[in-house]
Protein backbone atom coordinates (compact mmCIF):
# COMPACT_ATOMS: atom_id res chain seq x y z
CA MET A 1 3.60 -12.77 -13.78
CA ILE A 2 0.30 -14.68 -13.41
CA VAL A 3 -1.92 -14.43 -16.49
CA SER A 4 -5.42 -13.27 -15.62
CA ARG A 5 -8.67 -12.03 -17.15
CA TYR A 6 -11.58 -10.00 -15.86
CA VAL A 7 -15.25 -10.71 -16.54
CA VAL A 8 -17.59 -7.75 -16.11
CA ARG A 9 -21.37 -7.53 -16.40
CA ARG A 10 -23.55 -4.44 -16.44
CA SER A 11 -23.81 -3.12 -12.89
CA GLY A 12 -25.39 -0.38 -10.88
CA PRO A 13 -26.26 1.65 -9.08
CA LEU A 14 -23.13 1.25 -6.97
CA GLN A 15 -23.41 1.68 -3.21
CA GLY A 16 -21.17 1.57 -0.15
CA GLY A 17 -17.57 2.39 0.59
CA VAL A 18 -14.11 1.49 -0.70
CA THR A 19 -10.69 2.05 0.88
CA ILE A 20 -8.02 3.44 -1.42
CA SER A 21 -4.58 1.81 -1.36
CA GLY A 22 -1.23 3.56 -1.30
CA ALA A 23 -0.01 5.14 -4.51
CA LYS A 24 1.87 2.74 -6.78
CA ASN A 25 3.84 5.57 -8.35
CA SER A 26 5.02 6.71 -4.94
CA ALA A 27 5.62 3.33 -3.29
CA LEU A 28 7.97 2.16 -6.06
CA LYS A 29 10.20 5.23 -5.75
CA LEU A 30 10.21 5.08 -1.95
CA MET A 31 11.33 1.47 -2.21
CA ALA A 32 14.15 2.56 -4.53
CA ALA A 33 15.19 5.29 -2.07
CA THR A 34 15.85 2.69 0.63
CA VAL A 35 19.04 1.83 -1.31
CA LEU A 36 20.51 5.12 -0.06
CA THR A 37 21.32 3.89 3.45
CA GLU A 38 21.87 0.82 5.57
CA GLY A 39 19.19 -0.26 8.01
CA ARG A 40 15.56 -1.33 8.02
CA HIS A 41 12.93 0.94 6.54
CA ARG A 42 9.25 0.35 7.25
CA LEU A 43 6.80 1.54 4.60
CA ARG A 44 3.09 1.53 5.41
CA ASN A 45 0.15 1.66 3.00
CA VAL A 46 2.16 -0.08 0.25
CA PRO A 47 -0.27 -1.66 -2.24
CA GLU A 48 -0.15 -5.42 -2.76
CA ILE A 49 0.32 -5.31 -6.52
CA VAL A 50 2.56 -6.95 -9.11
CA ASP A 51 4.70 -3.85 -9.70
CA VAL A 52 5.62 -3.73 -6.01
CA ASP A 53 6.63 -7.38 -6.24
CA LEU A 54 8.73 -6.58 -9.32
CA MET A 55 10.48 -3.69 -7.57
CA GLY A 56 11.01 -5.95 -4.59
CA GLY A 57 12.68 -8.40 -6.95
CA VAL A 58 14.98 -5.67 -8.25
CA LEU A 59 15.96 -4.68 -4.71
CA GLU A 60 16.56 -8.29 -3.67
CA ALA A 61 18.76 -8.75 -6.74
CA ILE A 62 21.00 -5.91 -5.57
CA GLY A 63 21.22 -7.28 -2.05
CA LEU A 64 18.30 -5.87 -0.04
CA ASN A 65 15.77 -7.90 1.94
CA ILE A 66 11.99 -7.47 1.55
CA GLU A 67 9.39 -8.61 4.08
CA ARG A 68 5.65 -7.97 4.33
CA GLY A 69 3.80 -8.09 7.63
CA HIS A 70 1.23 -6.51 9.96
CA ASP A 71 1.92 -4.54 13.11
CA ASP A 72 0.15 -4.98 16.45
CA THR A 73 -2.77 -2.83 15.29
CA GLY A 74 -3.26 -4.87 12.11
CA VAL A 75 -1.80 -2.24 9.77
CA ALA A 76 0.09 -3.75 6.82
CA TYR A 77 3.70 -2.78 6.24
CA LEU A 78 6.62 -3.51 3.94
CA ASP A 79 10.04 -3.76 5.56
CA VAL A 80 13.05 -3.09 3.31
CA THR A 81 16.44 -3.81 4.86
CA ARG A 82 19.82 -2.88 3.36
CA GLY A 83 23.07 -4.27 4.69
CA PRO A 84 26.62 -3.05 4.00
CA GLU A 85 26.98 -5.00 0.75
CA VAL A 86 25.15 -3.86 -2.41
CA THR A 87 25.43 -5.37 -5.90
CA PRO A 88 24.85 -2.42 -8.27
CA VAL A 89 23.20 -4.44 -11.04
CA ALA A 90 19.48 -4.30 -11.85
CA PRO A 91 18.77 -7.45 -13.91
CA TYR A 92 17.27 -7.16 -17.37
CA GLU A 93 14.55 -9.76 -16.80
CA LEU A 94 13.01 -7.51 -14.13
CA VAL A 95 13.75 -4.07 -15.57
CA GLU A 96 12.15 -5.00 -18.90
CA LYS A 97 8.82 -5.53 -17.14
CA MET A 98 8.61 -2.21 -15.30
CA ARG A 99 9.86 1.23 -16.27
CA ALA A 100 9.99 2.46 -12.67
CA SER A 101 12.90 0.11 -12.00
CA THR A 102 15.24 2.76 -13.49
CA ALA A 103 14.64 4.65 -10.24
CA VAL A 104 17.36 2.56 -8.57
CA MET A 105 20.01 4.23 -10.75
CA GLY A 106 20.23 7.47 -8.74
CA PRO A 107 20.28 5.76 -5.33
CA LEU A 108 22.90 3.21 -6.44
CA LEU A 109 25.18 5.95 -7.73
CA ALA A 110 24.79 7.87 -4.48
CA ALA A 111 25.31 4.80 -2.31
CA VAL A 112 28.12 2.92 -4.07
CA GLY A 113 29.19 5.10 -7.01
CA GLU A 114 28.08 2.78 -9.80
CA ALA A 115 25.00 1.25 -11.40
CA ARG A 116 24.35 -1.21 -14.20
CA VAL A 117 20.75 -1.00 -15.35
CA ALA A 118 19.04 -2.37 -18.44
CA MET A 119 17.10 0.02 -20.66
CA PRO A 120 13.58 0.11 -19.20
CA GLY A 121 10.43 -1.69 -20.32
CA GLY A 122 6.88 -1.39 -18.95
CA ASP A 123 3.73 -0.09 -20.61
CA ASP A 124 3.92 0.75 -24.32
CA PHE A 125 2.96 4.43 -24.64
CA GLY A 126 5.24 5.21 -27.56
CA THR A 127 8.70 6.73 -27.21
CA ARG A 128 9.61 7.64 -23.62
CA PRO A 129 13.35 8.36 -23.62
CA ILE A 130 15.34 8.54 -20.40
CA ASP A 131 17.74 11.13 -21.81
CA MET A 132 16.79 13.64 -19.12
CA HIS A 133 17.70 11.13 -16.39
CA LEU A 134 21.14 10.66 -17.92
CA GLN A 135 21.78 14.33 -18.69
CA GLY A 136 20.77 15.39 -15.20
CA LEU A 137 22.96 12.78 -13.53
CA GLU A 138 25.86 13.71 -15.82
CA ALA A 139 25.63 17.24 -14.44
CA LEU A 140 26.17 15.73 -10.98
CA GLY A 141 29.36 14.00 -12.13
CA VAL A 142 28.15 10.66 -13.48
CA HIS A 143 29.74 9.02 -16.54
CA PHE A 144 27.64 6.72 -18.76
CA GLU A 145 28.32 4.05 -21.33
CA LEU A 146 25.54 2.32 -23.26
CA SER A 147 26.34 -1.17 -24.50
CA HIS A 148 23.97 -3.88 -25.77
CA GLY A 149 20.95 -2.23 -24.15
CA ILE A 150 22.67 -1.88 -20.76
CA ILE A 151 23.37 1.47 -19.10
CA ASN A 152 26.71 1.38 -17.28
CA ALA A 153 27.09 4.34 -14.93
CA HIS A 154 29.84 5.31 -12.51
CA THR A 155 31.05 8.31 -10.56
CA ASP A 156 34.04 9.10 -8.38
CA ALA A 157 31.96 11.60 -6.40
CA LEU A 158 28.56 13.20 -6.87
CA VAL A 159 28.73 16.99 -6.81
CA GLY A 160 25.78 19.34 -6.56
CA ALA A 161 24.83 21.23 -9.72
CA GLU A 162 22.10 23.28 -11.34
CA VAL A 163 19.93 21.19 -13.66
CA VAL A 164 17.24 22.54 -15.97
CA LEU A 165 14.96 19.80 -17.28
CA ASP A 166 13.67 20.13 -20.84
CA TYR A 167 10.35 18.77 -19.60
CA PRO A 168 9.01 18.25 -16.05
CA SER A 169 9.76 14.53 -16.09
CA VAL A 170 8.65 12.72 -12.94
CA GLY A 171 11.24 9.96 -13.26
CA ALA A 172 14.13 12.33 -13.96
CA THR A 173 13.14 14.59 -11.06
CA GLU A 174 13.00 11.62 -8.68
CA ASN A 175 16.35 10.17 -9.80
CA LEU A 176 18.02 13.56 -9.35
CA MET A 177 16.48 14.08 -5.92
CA MET A 178 17.72 10.71 -4.68
CA ALA A 179 21.21 11.06 -6.17
CA ALA A 180 21.59 14.65 -4.93
CA ALA A 181 20.56 13.71 -1.39
CA LEU A 182 24.10 12.39 -0.78
CA ALA A 183 25.99 14.64 -3.22
CA ASP A 184 28.59 17.16 -2.14
CA GLY A 185 26.93 20.58 -2.18
CA ARG A 186 23.64 21.97 -3.36
CA THR A 187 21.62 20.78 -6.36
CA VAL A 188 18.88 22.90 -7.92
CA VAL A 189 16.42 21.19 -10.26
CA SER A 190 14.47 23.69 -12.38
CA ASN A 191 11.35 22.82 -14.36
CA ALA A 192 10.94 19.95 -11.92
CA ALA A 193 7.89 17.70 -11.87
CA ARG A 194 5.28 18.79 -9.32
CA GLU A 195 3.22 15.61 -8.80
CA PRO A 196 2.10 14.64 -5.26
CA GLU A 197 4.36 11.59 -5.48
CA ILE A 198 7.36 13.95 -5.79
CA ALA A 199 6.35 15.62 -2.52
CA ASP A 200 5.96 12.20 -0.89
CA LEU A 201 9.48 11.22 -1.92
CA ALA A 202 10.83 14.54 -0.62
CA ALA A 203 9.08 13.95 2.72
CA PHE A 204 10.66 10.48 2.91
CA LEU A 205 14.15 11.82 2.13
CA ASN A 206 13.77 14.59 4.69
CA ARG A 207 12.61 12.10 7.31
CA MET A 208 15.79 10.14 6.53
CA GLY A 209 17.83 13.25 7.34
CA GLY A 210 18.00 14.76 3.87
CA GLN A 211 17.50 18.42 3.03
CA VAL A 212 15.00 18.82 0.20
CA ILE A 213 13.14 22.11 -0.22
CA GLY A 214 10.49 23.11 -2.77
CA ALA A 215 9.00 19.73 -3.75
CA GLY A 216 5.64 20.41 -5.39
CA SER A 217 6.97 23.58 -7.04
CA PRO A 218 8.89 23.98 -10.33
CA THR A 219 12.17 24.47 -8.45
CA ILE A 220 13.55 21.91 -6.01
CA GLU A 221 16.70 22.49 -3.96
CA ILE A 222 18.61 19.57 -2.45
CA GLU A 223 21.46 20.20 -0.04
CA GLY A 224 23.56 17.05 0.05
CA VAL A 225 24.29 15.42 3.40
CA GLN A 226 26.99 12.93 4.40
CA GLN A 227 24.65 10.18 5.52
CA LEU A 228 21.00 9.22 5.86
CA ARG A 229 19.18 6.91 8.24
CA ALA A 230 16.47 4.26 7.90
CA VAL A 231 12.98 5.44 8.89
CA GLU A 232 9.26 4.64 8.82
CA HIS A 233 6.88 6.29 6.35
CA THR A 234 3.28 6.02 5.16
CA VAL A 235 2.68 6.14 1.40
CA VAL A 236 0.21 8.75 0.12
CA PRO A 237 -3.15 7.50 -1.26
CA ASP A 238 -3.32 6.51 -4.93
CA ARG A 239 -5.06 9.31 -6.82
CA LEU A 240 -5.29 7.09 -9.92
CA GLU A 241 -7.24 4.48 -7.98
CA VAL A 242 -9.57 7.24 -6.76
CA ALA A 243 -10.12 8.32 -10.36
CA THR A 244 -11.02 4.74 -11.29
CA TYR A 245 -13.81 4.51 -8.71
CA LEU A 246 -15.06 8.00 -9.57
CA ALA A 247 -15.31 6.88 -13.21
CA ALA A 248 -17.03 3.64 -12.17
CA VAL A 249 -19.76 5.59 -10.37
CA GLY A 250 -19.98 7.90 -13.37
CA VAL A 251 -20.80 4.95 -15.64
CA ALA A 252 -22.87 2.77 -13.30
CA GLY A 253 -24.51 5.47 -11.18
CA GLY A 254 -25.07 5.28 -7.44
CA GLU A 255 -23.44 6.73 -4.35
CA VAL A 256 -20.03 5.68 -2.99
CA THR A 257 -17.67 6.90 -0.28
CA MET A 258 -13.93 6.48 -0.79
CA HIS A 259 -11.77 6.30 2.33
CA ASN A 260 -8.09 7.32 2.53
CA THR A 261 -8.08 9.95 -0.22
CA ARG A 262 -6.54 13.38 -0.78
CA VAL A 263 -8.94 15.71 -2.57
CA ASP A 264 -6.18 18.31 -2.95
CA HIS A 265 -4.35 15.87 -5.26
CA LEU A 266 -7.36 15.70 -7.60
CA GLU A 267 -8.67 19.23 -7.90
CA LEU A 268 -8.81 19.53 -11.71
CA LEU A 269 -10.17 16.01 -12.15
CA VAL A 270 -12.92 16.70 -9.61
CA GLU A 271 -13.73 19.95 -11.43
CA LYS A 272 -14.03 18.15 -14.80
CA MET A 273 -16.10 15.32 -13.40
CA GLY A 274 -18.33 17.85 -11.67
CA ALA A 275 -18.89 19.51 -15.04
CA MET A 276 -19.99 16.11 -16.37
CA GLY A 277 -22.68 15.92 -13.70
CA LEU A 278 -21.03 13.94 -10.92
CA ARG A 279 -21.60 15.27 -7.42
CA ILE A 280 -18.34 15.04 -5.47
CA SER A 281 -17.69 16.21 -1.93
CA PRO A 282 -14.72 15.85 0.45
CA GLN A 283 -15.23 14.11 3.78
CA ASP A 284 -12.96 13.39 6.74
CA GLU A 285 -10.01 11.57 5.12
CA GLY A 286 -12.25 10.63 2.24
CA MET A 287 -14.47 11.61 -0.65
CA TRP A 288 -18.15 11.09 -1.51
CA VAL A 289 -19.44 10.76 -5.08
CA MET A 290 -22.94 10.37 -6.53
CA ARG A 291 -24.41 10.23 -10.04
CA THR A 292 -28.08 10.14 -10.89
CA ASP A 293 -28.59 11.71 -14.33
CA ARG A 294 -26.87 11.00 -17.65
CA LEU A 295 -23.43 12.56 -18.01
CA ARG A 296 -22.81 15.80 -19.86
CA PRO A 297 -20.02 16.10 -22.47
CA VAL A 298 -16.84 18.06 -21.64
CA ASN A 299 -13.47 18.76 -23.23
CA VAL A 300 -10.33 17.46 -21.53
CA ALA A 301 -6.58 17.67 -22.19
CA THR A 302 -3.63 16.05 -20.43
CA LEU A 303 -0.76 18.12 -19.05
CA PRO A 304 1.91 17.68 -16.37
CA TYR A 305 0.64 18.18 -12.82
CA PRO A 306 -1.31 20.18 -11.73
CA GLY A 307 -2.92 19.49 -15.11
CA LEU A 308 -4.89 16.32 -15.84
CA ALA A 309 -2.59 13.30 -15.64
CA THR A 310 -2.13 11.26 -18.80
CA ASP A 311 -3.10 8.19 -16.73
CA PHE A 312 -6.55 9.73 -16.17
CA LEU A 313 -7.37 9.95 -19.87
CA PRO A 314 -8.36 6.32 -20.63
CA LEU A 315 -10.77 6.44 -17.68
CA LEU A 316 -12.20 9.77 -18.80
CA VAL A 317 -12.63 8.55 -22.38
CA ALA A 318 -14.50 5.47 -21.12
CA LEU A 319 -16.69 7.77 -19.05
CA LEU A 320 -17.34 10.24 -21.88
CA SER A 321 -18.33 7.35 -24.17
CA TYR A 322 -21.62 7.42 -22.21
CA ALA A 323 -22.11 11.22 -22.18
CA ASP A 324 -25.10 12.92 -23.79
CA GLY A 325 -23.25 14.65 -26.64
CA THR A 326 -19.81 15.08 -28.19
CA SER A 327 -16.64 15.50 -26.14
CA TYR A 328 -13.06 16.23 -27.20
CA ALA A 329 -9.96 14.79 -25.55
CA THR A 330 -6.34 15.76 -26.22
CA GLU A 331 -3.24 13.76 -25.24
CA ASN A 332 -0.31 16.16 -24.75
CA VAL A 333 2.04 13.96 -22.72
CA PHE A 334 2.65 10.61 -24.44
CA ALA A 335 2.44 9.98 -28.16
CA GLY A 336 0.93 6.65 -29.15
CA ARG A 337 -1.29 6.23 -26.11
CA PHE A 338 -4.58 5.67 -27.97
CA GLY A 339 -4.40 1.88 -28.32
CA TYR A 340 -7.31 1.48 -25.90
CA VAL A 341 -9.60 3.40 -28.27
CA GLY A 342 -9.83 0.40 -30.57
CA GLU A 343 -10.92 -1.75 -27.62
CA LEU A 344 -13.64 0.73 -26.65
CA THR A 345 -14.92 0.88 -30.22
CA ARG A 346 -15.28 -2.91 -30.13
CA MET A 347 -17.81 -2.26 -27.39
CA GLY A 348 -19.72 0.21 -29.56
CA ALA A 349 -18.11 3.46 -28.46
CA LYS A 350 -18.06 6.14 -31.17
CA ILE A 351 -14.56 7.61 -31.05
CA ARG A 352 -12.46 9.16 -33.83
CA ILE A 353 -8.73 9.74 -33.63
CA GLU A 354 -7.50 12.99 -35.18
CA ASP A 355 -3.74 13.32 -34.62
CA HIS A 356 -3.38 13.60 -30.82
CA HIS A 357 -7.06 14.44 -30.34
CA LEU A 358 -10.11 12.25 -29.79
CA VAL A 359 -13.68 13.08 -30.81
CA ILE A 360 -16.06 11.11 -28.59
CA ASP A 361 -19.74 10.87 -29.54
CA GLY A 362 -21.42 9.61 -26.38
CA GLN A 363 -23.83 6.67 -26.55
CA PRO A 364 -26.69 5.75 -24.20
CA ARG A 365 -25.36 2.22 -23.91
CA LEU A 366 -22.33 0.18 -25.01
CA SER A 367 -22.37 -3.56 -25.71
CA ALA A 368 -20.20 -6.34 -24.29
CA ALA A 369 -17.33 -7.62 -26.39
CA PRO A 370 -14.04 -9.49 -25.92
CA VAL A 371 -11.37 -6.84 -25.29
CA ARG A 372 -7.80 -6.58 -23.99
CA ALA A 373 -6.10 -4.66 -21.22
CA LEU A 374 -3.26 -3.04 -23.17
CA ASP A 375 -1.71 -1.41 -20.10
CA ILE A 376 -2.64 -0.71 -16.48
CA ARG A 377 -4.99 2.25 -16.97
CA ALA A 378 -6.34 1.03 -20.31
CA GLY A 379 -7.32 -2.19 -18.55
CA ALA A 380 -9.05 -0.28 -15.77
CA ALA A 381 -10.87 1.78 -18.43
CA MET A 382 -12.19 -1.46 -19.96
CA VAL A 383 -13.56 -2.51 -16.56
CA VAL A 384 -15.21 0.90 -16.11
CA ALA A 385 -16.72 0.91 -19.61
CA ALA A 386 -18.04 -2.64 -19.16
CA LEU A 387 -20.02 -1.62 -16.06
CA GLY A 388 -22.51 0.08 -18.38
CA ALA A 389 -22.42 -2.35 -21.31
CA ASP A 390 -25.16 -4.85 -22.16
CA GLY A 391 -23.97 -8.43 -21.74
CA GLU A 392 -20.74 -9.96 -20.42
CA THR A 393 -17.41 -8.34 -21.24
CA VAL A 394 -14.29 -10.50 -21.02
CA ILE A 395 -11.06 -8.50 -20.60
CA ALA A 396 -7.97 -10.49 -21.54
CA ASP A 397 -4.41 -9.68 -20.43
CA GLY A 398 -5.72 -8.77 -16.99
CA GLU A 399 -2.21 -9.11 -15.56
CA HIS A 400 -1.67 -5.51 -16.67
CA ILE A 401 -4.47 -4.45 -14.32
CA ASP A 402 -2.90 -6.54 -11.55
CA ARG A 403 0.31 -4.53 -11.92
CA GLY A 404 -1.36 -1.37 -10.63
CA TYR A 405 -4.51 -2.25 -8.68
CA GLU A 406 -4.82 -4.05 -5.38
CA ASP A 407 -7.80 -6.44 -5.57
CA LEU A 408 -9.74 -4.38 -8.12
CA ALA A 409 -12.37 -7.10 -8.56
CA GLY A 410 -12.89 -7.53 -4.81
CA LYS A 411 -13.20 -3.80 -4.19
CA MET A 412 -15.62 -3.43 -7.10
CA GLN A 413 -17.72 -6.28 -5.74
CA GLY A 414 -17.77 -4.53 -2.37
CA ILE A 415 -19.69 -1.60 -3.87
CA GLY A 416 -22.05 -3.76 -5.93
CA ALA A 417 -20.23 -4.10 -9.26
CA ASP A 418 -20.33 -7.44 -11.08
CA VAL A 419 -16.58 -7.86 -11.66
CA THR A 420 -14.74 -11.18 -11.35
CA ARG A 421 -11.06 -11.95 -11.83
CA TYR A 422 -9.89 -15.33 -13.10
CA GLU A 423 -6.39 -16.72 -13.31
CA ASP A 424 -5.67 -18.52 -16.58
């Protein structure tokens, strides 16, 4: 992974348009799903980010071929080709860098009946066990052994079952959907995750010949089929990238149009940002946002979709650090995800941590300081906060930002923000 840093100077008002890339959290799981069948899949709107490269490395390690290109109309695509031979081992050196790599476990078990996957790494948000993945797959007939940090899984045959998740885990829901697609019989997943990326995966599986019903609701039914086929698919827009540019306009002011967005994936966020004073309106395949006056304080809390995503919170906290009054933010999804607060306070933000709550006393202006990108969204929050800070903010560990954003600096520059990325 290339080490990078971002340098940001006070900017605004922002003007122009920006095109949103495909959703990282969908693209990675669609890539994993290509393990389910032989042939060449073509995925469009896949972001050119580090995490996609890492997942590509995982797939190549198990025997698939990855190729980027452009079709005759200039549209970018990612071709993923699987032959008859698959090596069911996801190497530690890749899995440790990205939690989403555990998504290959379900497809490997469905395709070849075994998987050897290292315990996952990725962003440090506190404890994020994968017990629900394992328990759900056990219900489908999988046997697990954990040895020296490696998960060894095997099954003689996957059989449909009823699975009730303790929590609507996105990763567990996705692994179960992919494994059940080729299981014998019907699988019902209750208390399933409802995120838009779940619906995108279901659409991909159905296009492949699967039978998935109810994605986007708390109950998903998967009728197993004997075989699937390779297909083409376009990844849904990245709602987290949309949130980043909405927050950028909230801090810097101005008027920006975002192309390739889905407003229906962002309803609660748009409502909260509207309460802060942002004017947001849907357009044809896009969204328009404007901010003129100082932001108003609001209270926010993270919850599983359709609630506010935990990934939105660092961006919202950066935004509320400039509000005219006191706001309250509550993190209900991941414990230990307040590391970025210390970085914001280095810039002069007035934020107090009280258990899993934040008390944010908005300031008219923050000041530049050397800070770090502790994870993908925390890094983006530093960029957003720095747009309104006096002086030059240097954000170290920018490679975390690179994991989840396609050309963040270039897109920011395109709407008038003074953001530059350097490789160290």
